[in-house]
Amino acid sequence: LLIQYSTFGWALTLLSLLLNYSIGWLLL
């Protein structure tokens, strides 16, 4: 997360994080 944030910025990283955790929630 810290590496992606510093490389690609907060918008793409936050969107990706939210999508990943949503998928994680659904799978669990």
PDB file of all heavy atoms in Angstrom:
ATOM      1  N   LEU A   1       0.814  -1.208   0.000  1.00  0.00           N
ATOM      2  CA  LEU A   1       0.000   0.000   0.000  1.00  0.00           C
ATOM      3  C   LEU A   1       0.853   1.264   0.000  1.00  0.00           C
ATOM      4  O   LEU A   1       0.623   2.183  -0.791  1.00  0.00           O
ATOM      5  CB  LEU A   1      -0.911  -0.015   1.229  1.00  0.00           C
ATOM      6  CG  LEU A   1      -2.014   1.003   1.329  1.00  0.00           C
ATOM      7  CD1 LEU A   1      -2.977   0.855   0.162  1.00  0.00           C
ATOM      8  CD2 LEU A   1      -2.752   0.814   2.632  1.00  0.00           C
ATOM      9  N   LEU A   2       1.842   1.312   0.841  1.00  0.00           N
ATOM     10  CA  LEU A   2       2.690   2.499   0.926  1.00  0.00           C
ATOM     11  C   LEU A   2       3.488   2.706  -0.360  1.00  0.00           C
ATOM     12  O   LEU A   2       3.612   3.834  -0.844  1.00  0.00           O
ATOM     13  CB  LEU A   2       3.633   2.408   2.123  1.00  0.00           C
ATOM     14  CG  LEU A   2       4.333   3.697   2.506  1.00  0.00           C
ATOM     15  CD1 LEU A   2       3.352   4.819   2.799  1.00  0.00           C
ATOM     16  CD2 LEU A   2       5.231   3.472   3.701  1.00  0.00           C
ATOM     17  N   ILE A   3       3.973   1.628  -0.932  1.00  0.00           N
ATOM     18  CA  ILE A   3       4.728   1.730  -2.187  1.00  0.00           C
ATOM     19  C   ILE A   3       3.814   2.187  -3.322  1.00  0.00           C
ATOM     20  O   ILE A   3       4.173   3.085  -4.100  1.00  0.00           O
ATOM     21  CB  ILE A   3       5.399   0.386  -2.546  1.00  0.00           C
ATOM     22  CG1 ILE A   3       6.339  -0.080  -1.437  1.00  0.00           C
ATOM     23  CG2 ILE A   3       6.105   0.464  -3.882  1.00  0.00           C
ATOM     24  CD1 ILE A   3       7.463   0.861  -1.114  1.00  0.00           C
ATOM     25  N   GLN A   4       2.621   1.581  -3.422  1.00  0.00           N
ATOM     26  CA  GLN A   4       1.695   1.954  -4.502  1.00  0.00           C
ATOM     27  C   GLN A   4       1.251   3.407  -4.348  1.00  0.00           C
ATOM     28  O   GLN A   4       1.148   4.137  -5.325  1.00  0.00           O
ATOM     29  CB  GLN A   4       0.466   1.030  -4.514  1.00  0.00           C
ATOM     30  CG  GLN A   4       0.757  -0.459  -4.596  1.00  0.00           C
ATOM     31  CD  GLN A   4       1.417  -0.894  -5.881  1.00  0.00           C
ATOM     32  OE1 GLN A   4       2.330  -0.247  -6.384  1.00  0.00           O
ATOM     33  NE2 GLN A   4       0.997  -2.018  -6.407  1.00  0.00           N
ATOM     34  N   TYR A   5       0.992   3.816  -3.112  1.00  0.00           N
ATOM     35  CA  TYR A   5       0.572   5.196  -2.848  1.00  0.00           C
ATOM     36  C   TYR A   5       1.654   6.182  -3.279  1.00  0.00           C
ATOM     37  O   TYR A   5       1.363   7.189  -3.930  1.00  0.00           O
ATOM     38  CB  TYR A   5       0.260   5.349  -1.360  1.00  0.00           C
ATOM     39  CG  TYR A   5      -0.004   6.765  -0.908  1.00  0.00           C
ATOM     40  CD1 TYR A   5      -1.195   7.404  -1.223  1.00  0.00           C
ATOM     41  CD2 TYR A   5       0.935   7.458  -0.159  1.00  0.00           C
ATOM     42  CE1 TYR A   5      -1.441   8.699  -0.805  1.00  0.00           C
ATOM     43  CE2 TYR A   5       0.694   8.754   0.261  1.00  0.00           C
ATOM     44  CZ  TYR A   5      -0.493   9.376  -0.063  1.00  0.00           C
ATOM     45  OH  TYR A   5      -0.729  10.647   0.343  1.00  0.00           O
ATOM     46  N   SER A   6       2.899   5.894  -2.941  1.00  0.00           N
ATOM     47  CA  SER A   6       3.978   6.820  -3.294  1.00  0.00           C
ATOM     48  C   SER A   6       4.270   6.813  -4.788  1.00  0.00           C
ATOM     49  O   SER A   6       4.733   7.805  -5.334  1.00  0.00           O
ATOM     50  CB  SER A   6       5.245   6.489  -2.508  1.00  0.00           C
ATOM     51  OG  SER A   6       5.765   5.253  -2.916  1.00  0.00           O
ATOM     52  N   THR A   7       3.988   5.713  -5.465  1.00  0.00           N
ATOM     53  CA  THR A   7       4.274   5.598  -6.891  1.00  0.00           C
ATOM     54  C   THR A   7       3.120   6.098  -7.760  1.00  0.00           C
ATOM     55  O   THR A   7       3.330   6.802  -8.740  1.00  0.00           O
ATOM     56  CB  THR A   7       4.600   4.144  -7.259  1.00  0.00           C
ATOM     57  OG1 THR A   7       5.657   3.676  -6.427  1.00  0.00           O
ATOM     58  CG2 THR A   7       4.999   4.013  -8.719  1.00  0.00           C
ATOM     59  N   PHE A   8       1.886   5.732  -7.393  1.00  0.00           N
ATOM     60  CA  PHE A   8       0.736   6.000  -8.263  1.00  0.00           C
ATOM     61  C   PHE A   8      -0.256   7.019  -7.704  1.00  0.00           C
ATOM     62  O   PHE A   8      -1.230   7.351  -8.366  1.00  0.00           O
ATOM     63  CB  PHE A   8      -0.008   4.691  -8.561  1.00  0.00           C
ATOM     64  CG  PHE A   8       0.828   3.702  -9.312  1.00  0.00           C
ATOM     65  CD1 PHE A   8       1.439   2.641  -8.648  1.00  0.00           C
ATOM     66  CD2 PHE A   8       1.033   3.822 -10.679  1.00  0.00           C
ATOM     67  CE1 PHE A   8       2.223   1.725  -9.336  1.00  0.00           C
ATOM     68  CE2 PHE A   8       1.814   2.921 -11.371  1.00  0.00           C
ATOM     69  CZ  PHE A   8       2.411   1.874 -10.695  1.00  0.00           C
ATOM     70  N   GLY A   9      -0.037   7.502  -6.486  1.00  0.00           N
ATOM     71  CA  GLY A   9      -0.924   8.504  -5.913  1.00  0.00           C
ATOM     72  C   GLY A   9      -2.072   7.908  -5.123  1.00  0.00           C
ATOM     73  O   GLY A   9      -2.321   6.704  -5.159  1.00  0.00           O
ATOM     74  N   TRP A  10      -2.759   8.801  -4.419  1.00  0.00           N
ATOM     75  CA  TRP A  10      -3.800   8.338  -3.506  1.00  0.00           C
ATOM     76  C   TRP A  10      -5.071   7.877  -4.211  1.00  0.00           C
ATOM     77  O   TRP A  10      -5.736   6.956  -3.750  1.00  0.00           O
ATOM     78  CB  TRP A  10      -4.117   9.409  -2.457  1.00  0.00           C
ATOM     79  CG  TRP A  10      -4.815  10.622  -3.005  1.00  0.00           C
ATOM     80  CD1 TRP A  10      -4.246  11.765  -3.472  1.00  0.00           C
ATOM     81  CD2 TRP A  10      -6.216  10.787  -3.145  1.00  0.00           C
ATOM     82  NE1 TRP A  10      -5.204  12.635  -3.905  1.00  0.00           N
ATOM     83  CE2 TRP A  10      -6.435  12.055  -3.712  1.00  0.00           C
ATOM     84  CE3 TRP A  10      -7.318   9.987  -2.864  1.00  0.00           C
ATOM     85  CZ2 TRP A  10      -7.708  12.539  -3.989  1.00  0.00           C
ATOM     86  CZ3 TRP A  10      -8.591  10.472  -3.147  1.00  0.00           C
ATOM     87  CH2 TRP A  10      -8.770  11.738  -3.693  1.00  0.00           C
ATOM     88  N   ALA A  11      -5.434   8.495  -5.329  1.00  0.00           N
ATOM     89  CA  ALA A  11      -6.715   8.174  -5.971  1.00  0.00           C
ATOM     90  C   ALA A  11      -6.749   6.730  -6.477  1.00  0.00           C
ATOM     91  O   ALA A  11      -7.679   5.967  -6.148  1.00  0.00           O
ATOM     92  CB  ALA A  11      -6.999   9.148  -7.105  1.00  0.00           C
ATOM     93  N   LEU A  12      -5.748   6.347  -7.282  1.00  0.00           N
ATOM     94  CA  LEU A  12      -5.718   4.970  -7.798  1.00  0.00           C
ATOM     95  C   LEU A  12      -5.536   3.961  -6.668  1.00  0.00           C
ATOM     96  O   LEU A  12      -6.166   2.897  -6.674  1.00  0.00           O
ATOM     97  CB  LEU A  12      -4.581   4.796  -8.809  1.00  0.00           C
ATOM     98  CG  LEU A  12      -4.779   5.394 -10.193  1.00  0.00           C
ATOM     99  CD1 LEU A  12      -3.552   5.144 -11.060  1.00  0.00           C
ATOM    100  CD2 LEU A  12      -6.017   4.838 -10.861  1.00  0.00           C
ATOM    101  N   THR A  13      -4.715   4.305  -5.693  1.00  0.00           N
ATOM    102  CA  THR A  13      -4.456   3.379  -4.600  1.00  0.00           C
ATOM    103  C   THR A  13      -5.694   3.194  -3.734  1.00  0.00           C
ATOM    104  O   THR A  13      -6.049   2.065  -3.376  1.00  0.00           O
ATOM    105  CB  THR A  13      -3.270   3.870  -3.750  1.00  0.00           C
ATOM    106  OG1 THR A  13      -2.148   4.086  -4.609  1.00  0.00           O
ATOM    107  CG2 THR A  13      -2.888   2.856  -2.693  1.00  0.00           C
ATOM    108  N   LEU A  14      -6.370   4.278  -3.397  1.00  0.00           N
ATOM    109  CA  LEU A  14      -7.574   4.189  -2.574  1.00  0.00           C
ATOM    110  C   LEU A  14      -8.688   3.444  -3.308  1.00  0.00           C
ATOM    111  O   LEU A  14      -9.364   2.594  -2.719  1.00  0.00           O
ATOM    112  CB  LEU A  14      -8.040   5.576  -2.151  1.00  0.00           C
ATOM    113  CG  LEU A  14      -9.212   5.623  -1.185  1.00  0.00           C
ATOM    114  CD1 LEU A  14      -8.892   4.891   0.114  1.00  0.00           C
ATOM    115  CD2 LEU A  14      -9.615   7.062  -0.892  1.00  0.00           C
ATOM    116  N   LEU A  15      -8.877   3.739  -4.582  1.00  0.00           N
ATOM    117  CA  LEU A  15      -9.891   3.035  -5.370  1.00  0.00           C
ATOM    118  C   LEU A  15      -9.591   1.537  -5.421  1.00  0.00           C
ATOM    119  O   LEU A  15     -10.482   0.705  -5.224  1.00  0.00           O
ATOM    120  CB  LEU A  15      -9.959   3.615  -6.786  1.00  0.00           C
ATOM    121  CG  LEU A  15     -10.970   2.970  -7.735  1.00  0.00           C
ATOM    122  CD1 LEU A  15     -12.383   3.125  -7.202  1.00  0.00           C
ATOM    123  CD2 LEU A  15     -10.843   3.584  -9.122  1.00  0.00           C
ATOM    124  N   SER A  16      -8.346   1.197  -5.660  1.00  0.00           N
ATOM    125  CA  SER A  16      -7.937  -0.202  -5.694  1.00  0.00           C
ATOM    126  C   SER A  16      -8.126  -0.865  -4.340  1.00  0.00           C
ATOM    127  O   SER A  16      -8.587  -2.013  -4.248  1.00  0.00           O
ATOM    128  CB  SER A  16      -6.474  -0.303  -6.130  1.00  0.00           C
ATOM    129  OG  SER A  16      -6.055  -1.627  -6.077  1.00  0.00           O
ATOM    130  N   LEU A  17      -7.784  -0.149  -3.284  1.00  0.00           N
ATOM    131  CA  LEU A  17      -7.944  -0.677  -1.931  1.00  0.00           C
ATOM    132  C   LEU A  17      -9.415  -0.963  -1.629  1.00  0.00           C
ATOM    133  O   LEU A  17      -9.760  -2.048  -1.141  1.00  0.00           O
ATOM    134  CB  LEU A  17      -7.379   0.324  -0.922  1.00  0.00           C
ATOM    135  CG  LEU A  17      -7.387  -0.091   0.543  1.00  0.00           C
ATOM    136  CD1 LEU A  17      -6.386  -1.215   0.778  1.00  0.00           C
ATOM    137  CD2 LEU A  17      -7.053   1.110   1.423  1.00  0.00           C
ATOM    138  N   LEU A  18     -10.282  -0.007  -1.932  1.00  0.00           N
ATOM    139  CA  LEU A  18     -11.717  -0.191  -1.684  1.00  0.00           C
ATOM    140  C   LEU A  18     -12.278  -1.360  -2.490  1.00  0.00           C
ATOM    141  O   LEU A  18     -13.060  -2.162  -1.973  1.00  0.00           O
ATOM    142  CB  LEU A  18     -12.480   1.098  -2.009  1.00  0.00           C
ATOM    143  CG  LEU A  18     -12.208   2.274  -1.095  1.00  0.00           C
ATOM    144  CD1 LEU A  18     -12.873   3.539  -1.634  1.00  0.00           C
ATOM    145  CD2 LEU A  18     -12.662   1.982   0.326  1.00  0.00           C
ATOM    146  N   LEU A  19     -11.866  -1.472  -3.744  1.00  0.00           N
ATOM    147  CA  LEU A  19     -12.336  -2.571  -4.580  1.00  0.00           C
ATOM    148  C   LEU A  19     -11.836  -3.920  -4.060  1.00  0.00           C
ATOM    149  O   LEU A  19     -12.590  -4.882  -3.978  1.00  0.00           O
ATOM    150  CB  LEU A  19     -11.895  -2.351  -6.026  1.00  0.00           C
ATOM    151  CG  LEU A  19     -12.424  -3.348  -7.058  1.00  0.00           C
ATOM    152  CD1 LEU A  19     -13.946  -3.402  -7.049  1.00  0.00           C
ATOM    153  CD2 LEU A  19     -11.929  -2.979  -8.446  1.00  0.00           C
ATOM    154  N   ASN A  20     -10.568  -3.975  -3.662  1.00  0.00           N
ATOM    155  CA  ASN A  20     -10.004  -5.211  -3.124  1.00  0.00           C
ATOM    156  C   ASN A  20     -10.698  -5.640  -1.837  1.00  0.00           C
ATOM    157  O   ASN A  20     -10.998  -6.820  -1.646  1.00  0.00           O
ATOM    158  CB  ASN A  20      -8.496  -5.060  -2.870  1.00  0.00           C
ATOM    159  CG  ASN A  20      -7.685  -5.485  -4.054  1.00  0.00           C
ATOM    160  OD1 ASN A  20      -7.678  -6.647  -4.426  1.00  0.00           O
ATOM    161  ND2 ASN A  20      -7.004  -4.540  -4.669  1.00  0.00           N
ATOM    162  N   TYR A  21     -10.959  -4.704  -0.941  1.00  0.00           N
ATOM    163  CA  TYR A  21     -11.613  -5.049   0.322  1.00  0.00           C
ATOM    164  C   TYR A  21     -13.076  -5.422   0.100  1.00  0.00           C
ATOM    165  O   TYR A  21     -13.614  -6.262   0.816  1.00  0.00           O
ATOM    166  CB  TYR A  21     -11.442  -3.925   1.340  1.00  0.00           C
ATOM    167  CG  TYR A  21     -10.106  -4.015   2.040  1.00  0.00           C
ATOM    168  CD1 TYR A  21      -8.921  -3.882   1.317  1.00  0.00           C
ATOM    169  CD2 TYR A  21     -10.005  -4.247   3.391  1.00  0.00           C
ATOM    170  CE1 TYR A  21      -7.690  -3.980   1.931  1.00  0.00           C
ATOM    171  CE2 TYR A  21      -8.776  -4.336   4.016  1.00  0.00           C
ATOM    172  CZ  TYR A  21      -7.622  -4.210   3.285  1.00  0.00           C
ATOM    173  OH  TYR A  21      -6.403  -4.319   3.896  1.00  0.00           O
ATOM    174  N   SER A  22     -13.723  -4.815  -0.900  1.00  0.00           N
ATOM    175  CA  SER A  22     -15.092  -5.214  -1.244  1.00  0.00           C
ATOM    176  C   SER A  22     -15.120  -6.651  -1.765  1.00  0.00           C
ATOM    177  O   SER A  22     -15.980  -7.447  -1.381  1.00  0.00           O
ATOM    178  CB  SER A  22     -15.682  -4.268  -2.298  1.00  0.00           C
ATOM    179  OG  SER A  22     -15.763  -2.956  -1.789  1.00  0.00           O
ATOM    180  N   ILE A  23     -14.183  -6.972  -2.637  1.00  0.00           N
ATOM    181  CA  ILE A  23     -14.084  -8.345  -3.149  1.00  0.00           C
ATOM    182  C   ILE A  23     -13.765  -9.303  -1.998  1.00  0.00           C
ATOM    183  O   ILE A  23     -14.359 -10.379  -1.893  1.00  0.00           O
ATOM    184  CB  ILE A  23     -13.017  -8.434  -4.262  1.00  0.00           C
ATOM    185  CG1 ILE A  23     -13.494  -7.687  -5.508  1.00  0.00           C
ATOM    186  CG2 ILE A  23     -12.697  -9.890  -4.597  1.00  0.00           C
ATOM    187  CD1 ILE A  23     -12.419  -7.482  -6.559  1.00  0.00           C
ATOM    188  N   GLY A  24     -12.838  -8.891  -1.122  1.00  0.00           N
ATOM    189  CA  GLY A  24     -12.506  -9.718   0.038  1.00  0.00           C
ATOM    190  C   GLY A  24     -13.718  -9.981   0.907  1.00  0.00           C
ATOM    191  O   GLY A  24     -13.949 -11.115   1.351  1.00  0.00           O
ATOM    192  N   TRP A  25     -14.504  -8.947   1.146  1.00  0.00           N
ATOM    193  CA  TRP A  25     -15.715  -9.083   1.958  1.00  0.00           C
ATOM    194  C   TRP A  25     -16.658 -10.103   1.315  1.00  0.00           C
ATOM    195  O   TRP A  25     -17.169 -11.005   1.983  1.00  0.00           O
ATOM    196  CB  TRP A  25     -16.387  -7.730   2.080  1.00  0.00           C
ATOM    197  CG  TRP A  25     -17.567  -7.683   3.024  1.00  0.00           C
ATOM    198  CD1 TRP A  25     -18.454  -8.683   3.305  1.00  0.00           C
ATOM    199  CD2 TRP A  25     -17.973  -6.580   3.819  1.00  0.00           C
ATOM    200  NE1 TRP A  25     -19.387  -8.259   4.204  1.00  0.00           N
ATOM    201  CE2 TRP A  25     -19.113  -6.966   4.537  1.00  0.00           C
ATOM    202  CE3 TRP A  25     -17.493  -5.299   3.974  1.00  0.00           C
ATOM    203  CZ2 TRP A  25     -19.778  -6.113   5.418  1.00  0.00           C
ATOM    204  CZ3 TRP A  25     -18.166  -4.456   4.848  1.00  0.00           C
ATOM    205  CH2 TRP A  25     -19.280  -4.857   5.552  1.00  0.00           C
ATOM    206  N   LEU A  26     -16.894  -9.956   0.010  1.00  0.00           N
ATOM    207  CA  LEU A  26     -17.802 -10.871  -0.688  1.00  0.00           C
ATOM    208  C   LEU A  26     -17.296 -12.315  -0.660  1.00  0.00           C
ATOM    209  O   LEU A  26     -18.065 -13.255  -0.453  1.00  0.00           O
ATOM    210  CB  LEU A  26     -18.010 -10.417  -2.132  1.00  0.00           C
ATOM    211  CG  LEU A  26     -18.773  -9.109  -2.308  1.00  0.00           C
ATOM    212  CD1 LEU A  26     -18.751  -8.666  -3.771  1.00  0.00           C
ATOM    213  CD2 LEU A  26     -20.202  -9.242  -1.803  1.00  0.00           C
ATOM    214  N   LEU A  27     -15.990 -12.487  -0.866  1.00  0.00           N
ATOM    215  CA  LEU A  27     -15.435 -13.843  -0.853  1.00  0.00           C
ATOM    216  C   LEU A  27     -15.508 -14.479   0.534  1.00  0.00           C
ATOM    217  O   LEU A  27     -15.845 -15.659   0.663  1.00  0.00           O
ATOM    218  CB  LEU A  27     -13.988 -13.832  -1.353  1.00  0.00           C
ATOM    219  CG  LEU A  27     -13.801 -13.576  -2.835  1.00  0.00           C
ATOM    220  CD1 LEU A  27     -12.324 -13.456  -3.187  1.00  0.00           C
ATOM    221  CD2 LEU A  27     -14.461 -14.668  -3.661  1.00  0.00           C
ATOM    222  N   LEU A  28     -15.191 -13.706   1.564  1.00  0.00           N
ATOM    223  CA  LEU A  28     -15.266 -14.253   2.914  1.00  0.00           C
ATOM    224  C   LEU A  28     -16.714 -14.511   3.324  1.00  0.00           C
ATOM    225  O   LEU A  28     -17.003 -15.501   4.003  1.00  0.00           O
ATOM    226  CB  LEU A  28     -14.582 -13.321   3.921  1.00  0.00           C
ATOM    227  CG  LEU A  28     -13.062 -13.226   3.798  1.00  0.00           C
ATOM    228  CD1 LEU A  28     -12.503 -12.215   4.781  1.00  0.00           C
ATOM    229  CD2 LEU A  28     -12.401 -14.579   3.985  1.00  0.00           C
TER     230      LEU A  28
END
